[in-house]
Amino acid sequence: MTMTLIKQQKTTTEKKLKPKKSSFAYSPVVEELMAFCPKCKTPETVRLYDSVLSPTRKFSQEDGKLYHDCGANEPCRVYRVI
């Protein structure tokens, strides 16, 4: 039986990591809030990106207030999720 000694060669070159390019020039502020409809009592978690509601089918944003699509005239109550 023959045994061969194998040595691992050390590399002298190092790879430098490049930072990933993002589509955002800055990191947006993301807030998760709990919206509670005063008319139909629907609770829902919604996300705001830089104080703008992320696209959703059930809620809309007008003048900085959130409204549920059930036809409520009052804006939803909004609570911060901890």
Protein backbone atom coordinates (compact mmCIF):
# COMPACT_ATOMS: atom_id res chain seq x y z
CA MET A 1 0.00 0.00 0.00
CA THR A 2 1.34 3.40 -1.00
CA MET A 3 0.46 6.64 0.82
CA THR A 4 0.87 10.03 -0.77
CA LEU A 5 1.26 13.19 1.25
CA ILE A 6 -0.82 16.03 -0.14
CA LYS A 7 -0.16 19.58 0.95
CA GLN A 8 -2.67 22.35 0.51
CA GLN A 9 -1.15 25.36 -1.16
CA LYS A 10 -1.61 28.74 0.45
CA THR A 11 -3.02 31.43 -1.77
CA THR A 12 -1.47 34.85 -1.76
CA THR A 13 -4.37 36.68 -3.37
CA GLU A 14 -7.34 37.83 -1.34
CA LYS A 15 -10.79 38.55 -2.67
CA LYS A 16 -12.20 41.88 -1.64
CA LEU A 17 -15.93 42.00 -1.06
CA LYS A 18 -17.75 44.71 -2.91
CA PRO A 19 -20.76 46.36 -1.23
CA LYS A 20 -24.06 45.40 -2.79
CA LYS A 21 -25.81 48.15 -4.65
CA SER A 22 -29.32 48.82 -3.43
CA SER A 23 -32.22 50.32 -5.33
CA PHE A 24 -32.65 52.77 -2.46
CA ALA A 25 -30.19 55.59 -1.95
CA TYR A 26 -31.03 55.34 1.74
CA SER A 27 -32.71 52.86 4.02
CA PRO A 28 -36.44 53.64 4.30
CA VAL A 29 -38.03 53.91 7.73
CA VAL A 30 -40.40 50.97 8.13
CA GLU A 31 -43.10 51.03 10.79
CA GLU A 32 -45.48 48.21 11.62
CA LEU A 33 -48.77 49.48 13.02
CA MET A 34 -52.02 47.89 14.14
CA ALA A 35 -55.04 49.53 12.51
CA PHE A 36 -58.42 49.04 14.19
CA CYS A 37 -61.59 49.98 12.28
CA PRO A 38 -64.14 51.76 14.51
CA LYS A 39 -67.12 50.60 12.42
CA CYS A 40 -66.58 46.87 11.80
CA LYS A 41 -63.93 46.29 14.51
CA THR A 42 -61.43 44.78 12.06
CA PRO A 43 -57.87 44.64 13.42
CA GLU A 44 -55.10 44.54 10.83
CA THR A 45 -51.34 44.93 10.84
CA VAL A 46 -50.21 47.49 8.24
CA ARG A 47 -46.79 48.73 7.22
CA LEU A 48 -45.74 52.29 6.58
CA TYR A 49 -42.64 53.11 4.57
CA ASP A 50 -41.48 56.65 5.34
CA SER A 51 -45.01 57.45 6.65
CA VAL A 52 -46.68 56.14 3.46
CA LEU A 53 -48.99 53.10 3.59
CA SER A 54 -47.68 50.08 1.71
CA PRO A 55 -50.10 48.85 -0.97
CA THR A 56 -53.03 46.95 0.54
CA ARG A 57 -56.50 45.99 -0.64
CA LYS A 58 -58.38 46.70 2.60
CA PHE A 59 -56.98 50.05 3.71
CA SER A 60 -56.30 53.43 2.15
CA GLN A 61 -54.50 56.54 3.34
CA GLU A 62 -55.86 60.07 3.01
CA ASP A 63 -54.31 63.14 4.64
CA GLY A 64 -52.12 60.94 6.84
CA LYS A 65 -55.09 58.94 8.19
CA LEU A 66 -55.92 55.28 7.52
CA TYR A 67 -59.39 54.24 6.37
CA HIS A 68 -60.88 50.75 6.08
CA ASP A 69 -62.79 49.82 2.91
CA CYS A 70 -65.98 48.87 4.85
CA GLY A 71 -67.31 52.39 4.33
CA ALA A 72 -66.48 53.88 7.71
CA ASN A 73 -66.51 57.69 7.81
CA GLU A 74 -64.08 57.75 10.73
CA PRO A 75 -60.39 56.94 10.31
CA CYS A 76 -58.99 53.79 11.89
CA ARG A 77 -57.42 53.89 15.29
CA VAL A 78 -53.71 53.18 14.91
CA TYR A 79 -51.50 51.53 17.52
CA ARG A 80 -47.75 50.99 17.42
CA VAL A 81 -46.74 47.30 17.48
CA ILE A 82 -44.08 46.57 20.08
